[in-house]
């Protein structure tokens, strides 16, 4: 009977050792997974930031092109208005003057 108790004690000690080893491996695996997760998160954040910067650069370029186009269109419209004024200012002045006189007469 003492042999059986001795063997059971050995089995219990071995089982406890296996459980302790498994707990240590689980803890080590958990720490490794945590490290890999943090590394992945860091890489993802870096990649995301690079993409955001690329989008910002593209948007900035598009904005600059659009502003340049709007400036050109505005300049063209102002030039047309200046040309129209230069061509028609006397006639327009007369019409305005005549309307003012008509209003005063009435």
PDB file of N, CA and C in Angstrom:
ATOM      1  N   UNK A   1       0.815  -1.177   0.000  1.00  0.00           N
ATOM      2  CA  UNK A   1       0.000   0.000   0.000  1.00  0.00           C
ATOM      3  C   UNK A   1       0.870   1.256   0.000  1.00  0.00           C
ATOM      4  N   UNK A   2       1.977   1.188   0.715  1.00  0.00           N
ATOM      5  CA  UNK A   2       2.881   2.333   0.740  1.00  0.00           C
ATOM      6  C   UNK A   2       3.446   2.598  -0.650  1.00  0.00           C
ATOM      7  N   UNK A   3       3.639   1.544  -1.427  1.00  0.00           N
ATOM      8  CA  UNK A   3       4.137   1.732  -2.794  1.00  0.00           C
ATOM      9  C   UNK A   3       3.103   2.496  -3.633  1.00  0.00           C
ATOM     10  N   UNK A   4       1.852   2.141  -3.450  1.00  0.00           N
ATOM     11  CA  UNK A   4       0.778   2.805  -4.205  1.00  0.00           C
ATOM     12  C   UNK A   4       0.706   4.276  -3.794  1.00  0.00           C
ATOM     13  N   UNK A   5       0.787   4.518  -2.498  1.00  0.00           N
ATOM     14  CA  UNK A   5       0.740   5.906  -2.004  1.00  0.00           C
ATOM     15  C   UNK A   5       1.953   6.665  -2.518  1.00  0.00           C
ATOM     16  N   UNK A   6       3.114   6.018  -2.536  1.00  0.00           N
ATOM     17  CA  UNK A   6       4.331   6.649  -3.058  1.00  0.00           C
ATOM     18  C   UNK A   6       4.191   6.982  -4.537  1.00  0.00           C
ATOM     19  N   UNK A   7       3.634   6.015  -5.311  1.00  0.00           N
ATOM     20  CA  UNK A   7       3.427   6.254  -6.747  1.00  0.00           C
ATOM     21  C   UNK A   7       2.414   7.376  -6.976  1.00  0.00           C
ATOM     22  N   UNK A   8       1.337   7.360  -6.183  1.00  0.00           N
ATOM     23  CA  UNK A   8       0.340   8.430  -6.302  1.00  0.00           C
ATOM     24  C   UNK A   8       0.954   9.786  -5.953  1.00  0.00           C
ATOM     25  N   UNK A   9       1.829   9.798  -4.966  1.00  0.00           N
ATOM     26  CA  UNK A   9       2.517  11.036  -4.591  1.00  0.00           C
ATOM     27  C   UNK A   9       3.417  11.508  -5.734  1.00  0.00           C
ATOM     28  N   UNK A  10       4.112  10.572  -6.385  1.00  0.00           N
ATOM     29  CA  UNK A  10       4.955  10.912  -7.537  1.00  0.00           C
ATOM     30  C   UNK A  10       4.105  11.447  -8.681  1.00  0.00           C
ATOM     31  N   UNK A  11       2.964  10.780  -8.920  1.00  0.00           N
ATOM     32  CA  UNK A  11       2.054  11.209  -9.991  1.00  0.00           C
ATOM     33  C   UNK A  11       1.534  12.613  -9.694  1.00  0.00           C
ATOM     34  N   UNK A  12       1.175  12.851  -8.426  1.00  0.00           N
ATOM     35  CA  UNK A  12       0.677  14.170  -8.032  1.00  0.00           C
ATOM     36  C   UNK A  12       1.758  15.226  -8.208  1.00  0.00           C
ATOM     37  N   UNK A  13       2.993  14.917  -7.820  1.00  0.00           N
ATOM     38  CA  UNK A  13       4.100  15.858  -7.977  1.00  0.00           C
ATOM     39  C   UNK A  13       4.363  16.138  -9.453  1.00  0.00           C
ATOM     40  N   UNK A  14       4.341  15.071 -10.259  1.00  0.00           N
ATOM     41  CA  UNK A  14       4.560  15.220 -11.699  1.00  0.00           C
ATOM     42  C   UNK A  14       3.425  16.034 -12.319  1.00  0.00           C
ATOM     43  N   UNK A  15       2.196  15.731 -11.923  1.00  0.00           N
ATOM     44  CA  UNK A  15       1.047  16.474 -12.449  1.00  0.00           C
ATOM     45  C   UNK A  15       1.139  17.943 -12.075  1.00  0.00           C
ATOM     46  N   UNK A  16       1.538  18.202 -10.827  1.00  0.00           N
ATOM     47  CA  UNK A  16       1.688  19.597 -10.385  1.00  0.00           C
ATOM     48  C   UNK A  16       2.771  20.288 -11.196  1.00  0.00           C
ATOM     49  N   UNK A  17       3.862  19.573 -11.457  1.00  0.00           N
ATOM     50  CA  UNK A  17       4.955  20.136 -12.264  1.00  0.00           C
ATOM     51  C   UNK A  17       4.484  20.438 -13.686  1.00  0.00           C
ATOM     52  N   UNK A  18       3.705  19.523 -14.250  1.00  0.00           N
ATOM     53  CA  UNK A  18       3.157  19.729 -15.599  1.00  0.00           C
ATOM     54  C   UNK A  18       2.222  20.939 -15.608  1.00  0.00           C
ATOM     55  N   UNK A  19       1.387  21.059 -14.589  1.00  0.00           N
ATOM     56  CA  UNK A  19       0.457  22.188 -14.505  1.00  0.00           C
ATOM     57  C   UNK A  19       1.215  23.510 -14.359  1.00  0.00           C
ATOM     58  N   UNK A  20       2.263  23.507 -13.539  1.00  0.00           N
ATOM     59  CA  UNK A  20       3.077  24.717 -13.384  1.00  0.00           C
ATOM     60  C   UNK A  20       3.754  25.090 -14.699  1.00  0.00           C
ATOM     61  N   UNK A  21       4.297  24.080 -15.389  1.00  0.00           N
ATOM     62  CA  UNK A  21       4.953  24.314 -16.677  1.00  0.00           C
ATOM     63  C   UNK A  21       3.946  24.861 -17.691  1.00  0.00           C
ATOM     64  N   UNK A  22       2.754  24.259 -17.715  1.00  0.00           N
ATOM     65  CA  UNK A  22       1.703  24.725 -18.629  1.00  0.00           C
ATOM     66  C   UNK A  22       1.312  26.160 -18.306  1.00  0.00           C
ATOM     67  N   UNK A  23       1.216  26.506 -17.034  1.00  0.00           N
ATOM     68  CA  UNK A  23       0.866  27.875 -16.639  1.00  0.00           C
ATOM     69  C   UNK A  23       1.948  28.855 -17.073  1.00  0.00           C
ATOM     70  N   UNK A  24       3.210  28.461 -16.935  1.00  0.00           N
ATOM     71  CA  UNK A  24       4.316  29.332 -17.358  1.00  0.00           C
ATOM     72  C   UNK A  24       4.306  29.520 -18.873  1.00  0.00           C
ATOM     73  N   UNK A  25       4.061  28.418 -19.612  1.00  0.00           N
ATOM     74  CA  UNK A  25       4.003  28.513 -21.074  1.00  0.00           C
ATOM     75  C   UNK A  25       2.819  29.376 -21.505  1.00  0.00           C
ATOM     76  N   UNK A  26       1.696  29.214 -20.815  1.00  0.00           N
ATOM     77  CA  UNK A  26       0.523  30.032 -21.123  1.00  0.00           C
ATOM     78  C   UNK A  26       0.831  31.507 -20.883  1.00  0.00           C
ATOM     79  N   UNK A  27       1.507  31.783 -19.775  1.00  0.00           N
ATOM     80  CA  UNK A  27       1.874  33.164 -19.455  1.00  0.00           C
ATOM     81  C   UNK A  27       2.840  33.717 -20.504  1.00  0.00           C
ATOM     82  N   UNK A  28       3.823  32.892 -20.918  1.00  0.00           N
ATOM     83  CA  UNK A  28       4.789  33.321 -21.933  1.00  0.00           C
ATOM     84  C   UNK A  28       4.099  33.556 -23.275  1.00  0.00           C
ATOM     85  N   UNK A  29       3.185  32.657 -23.650  1.00  0.00           N
ATOM     86  CA  UNK A  29       2.442  32.825 -24.906  1.00  0.00           C
ATOM     87  C   UNK A  29       1.567  34.075 -24.859  1.00  0.00           C
ATOM     88  N   UNK A  30       0.954  34.293 -23.714  1.00  0.00           N
ATOM     89  CA  UNK A  30       0.120  35.484 -23.560  1.00  0.00           C
ATOM     90  C   UNK A  30       0.958  36.747 -23.705  1.00  0.00           C
ATOM     91  N   UNK A  31       2.137  36.763 -23.091  1.00  0.00           N
ATOM     92  CA  UNK A  31       3.026  37.921 -23.203  1.00  0.00           C
ATOM     93  C   UNK A  31       3.484  38.113 -24.649  1.00  0.00           C
ATOM     94  N   UNK A  32       3.775  37.010 -25.334  1.00  0.00           N
ATOM     95  CA  UNK A  32       4.197  37.096 -26.742  1.00  0.00           C
ATOM     96  C   UNK A  32       3.059  37.622 -27.616  1.00  0.00           C
ATOM     97  N   UNK A  33       1.854  37.149 -27.376  1.00  0.00           N
ATOM     98  CA  UNK A  33       0.698  37.628 -28.147  1.00  0.00           C
ATOM     99  C   UNK A  33       0.461  39.120 -27.884  1.00  0.00           C
ATOM    100  N   UNK A  34       0.636  39.525 -26.655  1.00  0.00           N
ATOM    101  CA  UNK A  34       0.484  40.944 -26.305  1.00  0.00           C
ATOM    102  C   UNK A  34       1.527  41.777 -27.038  1.00  0.00           C
ATOM    103  N   UNK A  35       2.773  41.290 -27.068  1.00  0.00           N
ATOM    104  CA  UNK A  35       3.849  41.995 -27.766  1.00  0.00           C
ATOM    105  C   UNK A  35       3.541  42.084 -29.258  1.00  0.00           C
ATOM    106  N   UNK A  36       3.105  40.967 -29.845  1.00  0.00           N
ATOM    107  CA  UNK A  36       2.780  40.965 -31.274  1.00  0.00           C
ATOM    108  C   UNK A  36       1.601  41.883 -31.582  1.00  0.00           C
ATOM    109  N   UNK A  37       0.627  41.901 -30.689  1.00  0.00           N
ATOM    110  CA  UNK A  37      -0.529  42.794 -30.886  1.00  0.00           C
ATOM    111  C   UNK A  37      -0.099  44.258 -30.854  1.00  0.00           C
ATOM    112  N   UNK A  38       0.752  44.596 -29.900  1.00  0.00           N
ATOM    113  CA  UNK A  38       1.242  45.973 -29.816  1.00  0.00           C
ATOM    114  C   UNK A  38       2.056  46.333 -31.048  1.00  0.00           C
ATOM    115  N   UNK A  39       2.887  45.394 -31.497  1.00  0.00           N
ATOM    116  CA  UNK A  39       3.698  45.641 -32.691  1.00  0.00           C
ATOM    117  C   UNK A  39       2.796  45.841 -33.917  1.00  0.00           C
ATOM    118  N   UNK A  40       1.765  44.990 -34.029  1.00  0.00           N
ATOM    119  CA  UNK A  40       0.820  45.121 -35.133  1.00  0.00           C
ATOM    120  C   UNK A  40       0.101  46.470 -35.073  1.00  0.00           C
ATOM    121  N   UNK A  41      -0.356  46.836 -33.874  1.00  0.00           N
ATOM    122  CA  UNK A  41      -1.039  48.124 -33.703  1.00  0.00           C
ATOM    123  C   UNK A  41      -0.130  49.280 -34.096  1.00  0.00           C
ATOM    124  N   UNK A  42       1.136  49.202 -33.692  1.00  0.00           N
ATOM    125  CA  UNK A  42       2.094  50.253 -34.027  1.00  0.00           C
ATOM    126  C   UNK A  42       2.281  50.346 -35.532  1.00  0.00           C
ATOM    127  N   UNK A  43       2.433  49.200 -36.183  1.00  0.00           N
ATOM    128  CA  UNK A  43       2.604  49.194 -37.637  1.00  0.00           C
ATOM    129  C   UNK A  43       1.349  49.707 -38.335  1.00  0.00           C
ATOM    130  N   UNK A  44       0.195  49.299 -37.838  1.00  0.00           N
ATOM    131  CA  UNK A  44      -1.066  49.747 -38.430  1.00  0.00           C
ATOM    132  C   UNK A  44      -1.232  51.256 -38.277  1.00  0.00           C
ATOM    133  N   UNK A  45      -0.912  51.779 -37.103  1.00  0.00           N
ATOM    134  CA  UNK A  45      -1.008  53.223 -36.883  1.00  0.00           C
ATOM    135  C   UNK A  45      -0.048  53.974 -37.803  1.00  0.00           C
ATOM    136  N   UNK A  46       1.148  53.442 -37.972  1.00  0.00           N
ATOM    137  CA  UNK A  46       2.132  54.077 -38.857  1.00  0.00           C
ATOM    138  C   UNK A  46       1.622  54.068 -40.301  1.00  0.00           C
ATOM    139  N   UNK A  47       1.116  52.928 -40.731  1.00  0.00           N
ATOM    140  CA  UNK A  47       0.597  52.805 -42.098  1.00  0.00           C
ATOM    141  C   UNK A  47      -0.604  53.740 -42.304  1.00  0.00           C
ATOM    142  N   UNK A  48      -1.483  53.780 -41.314  1.00  0.00           N
ATOM    143  CA  UNK A  48      -2.657  54.652 -41.403  1.00  0.00           C
ATOM    144  C   UNK A  48      -2.236  56.118 -41.478  1.00  0.00           C
ATOM    145  N   UNK A  49      -1.270  56.502 -40.657  1.00  0.00           N
ATOM    146  CA  UNK A  49      -0.780  57.887 -40.677  1.00  0.00           C
ATOM    147  C   UNK A  49      -0.164  58.219 -42.036  1.00  0.00           C
ATOM    148  N   UNK A  50       0.578  57.269 -42.617  1.00  0.00           N
ATOM    149  CA  UNK A  50       1.158  57.498 -43.945  1.00  0.00           C
ATOM    150  C   UNK A  50       0.065  57.691 -44.988  1.00  0.00           C
ATOM    151  N   UNK A  51      -0.983  56.863 -44.903  1.00  0.00           N
ATOM    152  CA  UNK A  51      -2.099  57.007 -45.845  1.00  0.00           C
ATOM    153  C   UNK A  51      -2.802  58.341 -45.664  1.00  0.00           C
ATOM    154  N   UNK A  52      -3.002  58.757 -44.423  1.00  0.00           N
ATOM    155  CA  UNK A  52      -3.646  60.045 -44.154  1.00  0.00           C
ATOM    156  C   UNK A  52      -2.802  61.178 -44.731  1.00  0.00           C
ATOM    157  N   UNK A  53      -1.491  61.107 -44.537  1.00  0.00           N
ATOM    158  CA  UNK A  53      -0.609  62.148 -45.073  1.00  0.00           C
ATOM    159  C   UNK A  53      -0.679  62.177 -46.601  1.00  0.00           C
ATOM    160  N   UNK A  54      -0.726  61.001 -47.239  1.00  0.00           N
ATOM    161  CA  UNK A  54      -0.826  60.932 -48.697  1.00  0.00           C
ATOM    162  C   UNK A  54      -2.140  61.551 -49.171  1.00  0.00           C
ATOM    163  N   UNK A  55      -3.223  61.242 -48.482  1.00  0.00           N
ATOM    164  CA  UNK A  55      -4.532  61.817 -48.830  1.00  0.00           C
ATOM    165  C   UNK A  55      -4.489  63.330 -48.667  1.00  0.00           C
ATOM    166  N   UNK A  56      -3.881  63.798 -47.574  1.00  0.00           N
ATOM    167  CA  UNK A  56      -3.777  65.249 -47.360  1.00  0.00           C
ATOM    168  C   UNK A  56      -2.969  65.911 -48.472  1.00  0.00           C
ATOM    169  N   UNK A  57      -1.853  65.283 -48.860  1.00  0.00           N
ATOM    170  CA  UNK A  57      -1.045  65.859 -49.953  1.00  0.00           C
ATOM    171  C   UNK A  57      -1.849  65.917 -51.245  1.00  0.00           C
ATOM    172  N   UNK A  58      -2.584  64.840 -51.537  1.00  0.00           N
ATOM    173  CA  UNK A  58      -3.398  64.820 -52.757  1.00  0.00           C
ATOM    174  C   UNK A  58      -4.483  65.889 -52.710  1.00  0.00           C
ATOM    175  N   UNK A  59      -5.142  66.000 -51.567  1.00  0.00           N
ATOM    176  CA  UNK A  59      -6.187  67.017 -51.432  1.00  0.00           C
ATOM    177  C   UNK A  59      -5.611  68.428 -51.542  1.00  0.00           C
ATOM    178  N   UNK A  60      -4.451  68.631 -50.958  1.00  0.00           N
ATOM    179  CA  UNK A  60      -3.796  69.940 -51.039  1.00  0.00           C
ATOM    180  C   UNK A  60      -3.471  70.286 -52.495  1.00  0.00           C
ATOM    181  N   UNK A  61      -2.965  69.278 -53.234  1.00  0.00           N
ATOM    182  CA  UNK A  61      -2.669  69.499 -54.653  1.00  0.00           C
ATOM    183  C   UNK A  61      -3.919  69.813 -55.449  1.00  0.00           C
ATOM    184  N   UNK A  62      -4.990  69.057 -55.184  1.00  0.00           N
ATOM    185  CA  UNK A  62      -6.256  69.310 -55.875  1.00  0.00           C
ATOM    186  C   UNK A  62      -6.795  70.696 -55.533  1.00  0.00           C
ATOM    187  N   UNK A  63      -6.682  71.066 -54.259  1.00  0.00           N
ATOM    188  CA  UNK A  63      -7.150  72.387 -53.830  1.00  0.00           C
ATOM    189  C   UNK A  63      -6.375  73.482 -54.554  1.00  0.00           C
ATOM    190  N   UNK A  64      -5.046  73.332 -54.624  1.00  0.00           N
ATOM    191  CA  UNK A  64      -4.225  74.337 -55.292  1.00  0.00           C
ATOM    192  C   UNK A  64      -4.586  74.459 -56.772  1.00  0.00           C
ATOM    193  N   UNK A  65      -4.819  73.315 -57.425  1.00  0.00           N
ATOM    194  CA  UNK A  65      -5.212  73.333 -58.842  1.00  0.00           C
ATOM    195  C   UNK A  65      -6.560  74.033 -59.008  1.00  0.00           C
ATOM    196  N   UNK A  66      -7.505  73.706 -58.135  1.00  0.00           N
ATOM    197  CA  UNK A  66      -8.845  74.304 -58.219  1.00  0.00           C
ATOM    198  C   UNK A  66      -8.783  75.809 -57.960  1.00  0.00           C
ATOM    199  N   UNK A  67      -7.985  76.213 -56.968  1.00  0.00           N
ATOM    200  CA  UNK A  67      -7.843  77.639 -56.695  1.00  0.00           C
ATOM    201  C   UNK A  67      -7.208  78.368 -57.880  1.00  0.00           C
ATOM    202  N   UNK A  68      -6.205  77.760 -58.497  1.00  0.00           N
ATOM    203  CA  UNK A  68      -5.574  78.368 -59.663  1.00  0.00           C
ATOM    204  C   UNK A  68      -6.590  78.519 -60.791  1.00  0.00           C
ATOM    205  N   UNK A  69      -7.414  77.495 -60.980  1.00  0.00           N
ATOM    206  CA  UNK A  69      -8.447  77.552 -62.013  1.00  0.00           C
ATOM    207  C   UNK A  69      -9.467  78.649 -61.698  1.00  0.00           C
ATOM    208  N   UNK A  70      -9.874  78.741 -60.447  1.00  0.00           N
ATOM    209  CA  UNK A  70     -10.828  79.789 -60.065  1.00  0.00           C
ATOM    210  C   UNK A  70     -10.222  81.182 -60.233  1.00  0.00           C
ATOM    211  N   UNK A  71      -8.932  81.315 -59.916  1.00  0.00           N
ATOM    212  CA  UNK A  71      -8.274  82.621 -60.126  1.00  0.00           C
ATOM    213  C   UNK A  71      -8.278  82.998 -61.596  1.00  0.00           C
ATOM    214  N   UNK A  72      -7.941  82.017 -62.445  1.00  0.00           N
ATOM    215  CA  UNK A  72      -7.938  82.284 -63.887  1.00  0.00           C
ATOM    216  C   UNK A  72      -9.329  82.662 -64.373  1.00  0.00           C
ATOM    217  N   UNK A  73     -10.346  81.914 -63.913  1.00  0.00           N
ATOM    218  CA  UNK A  73     -11.722  82.216 -64.323  1.00  0.00           C
ATOM    219  C   UNK A  73     -12.143  83.610 -63.841  1.00  0.00           C
ATOM    220  N   UNK A  74     -11.760  83.951 -62.612  1.00  0.00           N
ATOM    221  CA  UNK A  74     -12.094  85.271 -62.066  1.00  0.00           C
ATOM    222  C   UNK A  74     -11.394  86.370 -62.853  1.00  0.00           C
ATOM    223  N   UNK A  75     -10.128  86.160 -63.143  1.00  0.00           N
ATOM    224  CA  UNK A  75      -9.388  87.143 -63.939  1.00  0.00           C
ATOM    225  C   UNK A  75     -10.026  87.329 -65.313  1.00  0.00           C
ATOM    226  N   UNK A  76     -10.435  86.229 -65.935  1.00  0.00           N
ATOM    227  CA  UNK A  76     -11.071  86.308 -67.251  1.00  0.00           C
ATOM    228  C   UNK A  76     -12.388  87.085 -67.156  1.00  0.00           C
ATOM    229  N   UNK A  77     -13.181  86.796 -66.102  1.00  0.00           N
ATOM    230  CA  UNK A  77     -14.459  87.503 -65.934  1.00  0.00           C
ATOM    231  C   UNK A  77     -14.232  88.989 -65.683  1.00  0.00           C
ATOM    232  N   UNK A  78     -13.232  89.313 -64.853  1.00  0.00           N
ATOM    233  CA  UNK A  78     -12.929  90.727 -64.592  1.00  0.00           C
ATOM    234  C   UNK A  78     -12.436  91.427 -65.858  1.00  0.00           C
ATOM    235  N   UNK A  79     -11.646  90.735 -66.643  1.00  0.00           N
ATOM    236  CA  UNK A  79     -11.171  91.314 -67.907  1.00  0.00           C
ATOM    237  C   UNK A  79     -12.333  91.575 -68.852  1.00  0.00           C
ATOM    238  N   UNK A  80     -13.290  90.633 -68.905  1.00  0.00           N
ATOM    239  CA  UNK A  80     -14.475  90.839 -69.745  1.00  0.00           C
ATOM    240  C   UNK A  80     -15.285  92.038 -69.259  1.00  0.00           C
ATOM    241  N   UNK A  81     -15.431  92.151 -67.929  1.00  0.00           N
ATOM    242  CA  UNK A  81     -16.162  93.300 -67.384  1.00  0.00           C
ATOM    243  C   UNK A  81     -15.447  94.611 -67.699  1.00  0.00           C
ATOM    244  N   UNK A  82     -14.122  94.619 -67.569  1.00  0.00           N
ATOM    245  CA  UNK A  82     -13.358  95.822 -67.904  1.00  0.00           C
ATOM    246  C   UNK A  82     -13.520  96.182 -69.371  1.00  0.00           C
ATOM    247  N   UNK A  83     -13.463  95.164 -70.240  1.00  0.00           N
ATOM    248  CA  UNK A  83     -13.620  95.414 -71.676  1.00  0.00           C
ATOM    249  C   UNK A  83     -15.024  95.928 -71.977  1.00  0.00           C
ATOM    250  N   UNK A  84     -16.027  95.325 -71.347  1.00  0.00           N
ATOM    251  CA  UNK A  84     -17.400  95.769 -71.549  1.00  0.00           C
ATOM    252  C   UNK A  84     -17.562  97.214 -71.080  1.00  0.00           C
ATOM    253  N   UNK A  85     -17.006  97.523 -69.919  1.00  0.00           N
ATOM    254  CA  UNK A  85     -17.079  98.888 -69.397  1.00  0.00           C
ATOM    255  C   UNK A  85     -16.393  99.860 -70.347  1.00  0.00           C
ATOM    256  N   UNK A  86     -15.188  99.505 -70.789  1.00  0.00           N
ATOM    257  CA  UNK A  86     -14.449 100.401 -71.689  1.00  0.00           C
ATOM    258  C   UNK A  86     -15.244 100.645 -72.971  1.00  0.00           C
ATOM    259  N   UNK A  87     -15.914  99.620 -73.443  1.00  0.00           N
ATOM    260  CA  UNK A  87     -16.658  99.730 -74.699  1.00  0.00           C
ATOM    261  C   UNK A  87     -17.987 100.467 -74.504  1.00  0.00           C
ATOM    262  N   UNK A  88     -18.630 100.304 -73.350  1.00  0.00           N
ATOM    263  CA  UNK A  88     -19.997 100.794 -73.190  1.00  0.00           C
ATOM    264  C   UNK A  88     -20.190 101.842 -72.102  1.00  0.00           C
ATOM    265  N   UNK A  89     -19.134 102.317 -71.485  1.00  0.00           N
ATOM    266  CA  UNK A  89     -19.341 103.191 -70.333  1.00  0.00           C
ATOM    267  C   UNK A  89     -20.043 104.509 -70.697  1.00  0.00           C
ATOM    268  N   UNK A  90     -19.769 105.051 -71.854  1.00  0.00           N
ATOM    269  CA  UNK A  90     -20.434 106.312 -72.222  1.00  0.00           C
ATOM    270  C   UNK A  90     -21.932 106.104 -72.412  1.00  0.00           C
ATOM    271  N   UNK A  91     -22.272 105.029 -73.119  1.00  0.00           N
ATOM    272  CA  UNK A  91     -23.688 104.747 -73.352  1.00  0.00           C
ATOM    273  C   UNK A  91     -24.400 104.469 -72.029  1.00  0.00           C
ATOM    274  N   UNK A  92     -23.774 103.661 -71.170  1.00  0.00           N
ATOM    275  CA  UNK A  92     -24.380 103.346 -69.878  1.00  0.00           C
ATOM    276  C   UNK A  92     -24.520 104.589 -69.008  1.00  0.00           C
ATOM    277  N   UNK A  93     -23.531 105.451 -69.032  1.00  0.00           N
ATOM    278  CA  UNK A  93     -23.588 106.693 -68.256  1.00  0.00           C
ATOM    279  C   UNK A  93     -24.745 107.565 -68.737  1.00  0.00           C
ATOM    280  N   UNK A  94     -24.902 107.649 -70.048  1.00  0.00           N
ATOM    281  CA  UNK A  94     -26.007 108.440 -70.603  1.00  0.00           C
ATOM    282  C   UNK A  94     -27.347 107.870 -70.154  1.00  0.00           C
ATOM    283  N   UNK A  95     -27.498 106.559 -70.237  1.00  0.00           N
ATOM    284  CA  UNK A  95     -28.763 105.927 -69.849  1.00  0.00           C
ATOM    285  C   UNK A  95     -29.072 106.190 -68.369  1.00  0.00           C
ATOM    286  N   UNK A  96     -28.085 106.067 -67.545  1.00  0.00           N
ATOM    287  CA  UNK A  96     -28.283 106.316 -66.118  1.00  0.00           C
ATOM    288  C   UNK A  96     -28.649 107.783 -65.886  1.00  0.00           C
ATOM    289  N   UNK A  97     -27.913 108.690 -66.541  1.00  0.00           N
ATOM    290  CA  UNK A  97     -28.181 110.119 -66.396  1.00  0.00           C
ATOM    291  C   UNK A  97     -29.603 110.434 -66.849  1.00  0.00           C
ATOM    292  N   UNK A  98     -30.024 109.875 -67.977  1.00  0.00           N
ATOM    293  CA  UNK A  98     -31.373 110.118 -68.485  1.00  0.00           C
ATOM    294  C   UNK A  98     -32.435 109.589 -67.511  1.00  0.00           C
ATOM    295  N   UNK A  99     -32.201 108.428 -66.921  1.00  0.00           N
ATOM    296  CA  UNK A  99     -33.164 107.874 -65.967  1.00  0.00           C
ATOM    297  C   UNK A  99     -33.267 108.747 -64.715  1.00  0.00           C
ATOM    298  N   UNK A 100     -32.123 109.292 -64.294  1.00  0.00           N
ATOM    299  CA  UNK A 100     -32.136 110.174 -63.136  1.00  0.00           C
ATOM    300  C   UNK A 100     -32.947 111.434 -63.449  1.00  0.00           C
ATOM    301  N   UNK A 101     -32.715 111.974 -64.625  1.00  0.00           N
ATOM    302  CA  UNK A 101     -33.452 113.190 -65.024  1.00  0.00           C
ATOM    303  C   UNK A 101     -34.941 112.888 -65.124  1.00  0.00           C
ATOM    304  N   UNK A 102     -35.292 111.750 -65.681  1.00  0.00           N
ATOM    305  CA  UNK A 102     -36.714 111.388 -65.807  1.00  0.00           C
ATOM    306  C   UNK A 102     -37.365 111.252 -64.422  1.00  0.00           C
ATOM    307  N   UNK A 103     -36.658 110.712 -63.471  1.00  0.00           N
ATOM    308  CA  UNK A 103     -37.200 110.550 -62.129  1.00  0.00           C
ATOM    309  C   UNK A 103     -37.420 111.917 -61.480  1.00  0.00           C
ATOM    310  N   UNK A 104     -36.503 112.838 -61.712  1.00  0.00           N
ATOM    311  CA  UNK A 104     -36.648 114.165 -61.116  1.00  0.00           C
ATOM    312  C   UNK A 104     -37.795 114.922 -61.751  1.00  0.00           C
ATOM    313  N   UNK A 105     -38.038 114.704 -63.031  1.00  0.00           N
ATOM    314  CA  UNK A 105     -39.115 115.389 -63.729  1.00  0.00           C
ATOM    315  C   UNK A 105     -40.471 114.878 -63.249  1.00  0.00           C
ATOM    316  N   UNK A 106     -40.576 113.654 -62.920  1.00  0.00           N
ATOM    317  CA  UNK A 106     -41.872 113.080 -62.523  1.00  0.00           C
ATOM    318  C   UNK A 106     -42.175 113.443 -61.143  1.00  0.00           C
TER     319      UNK A 106
END
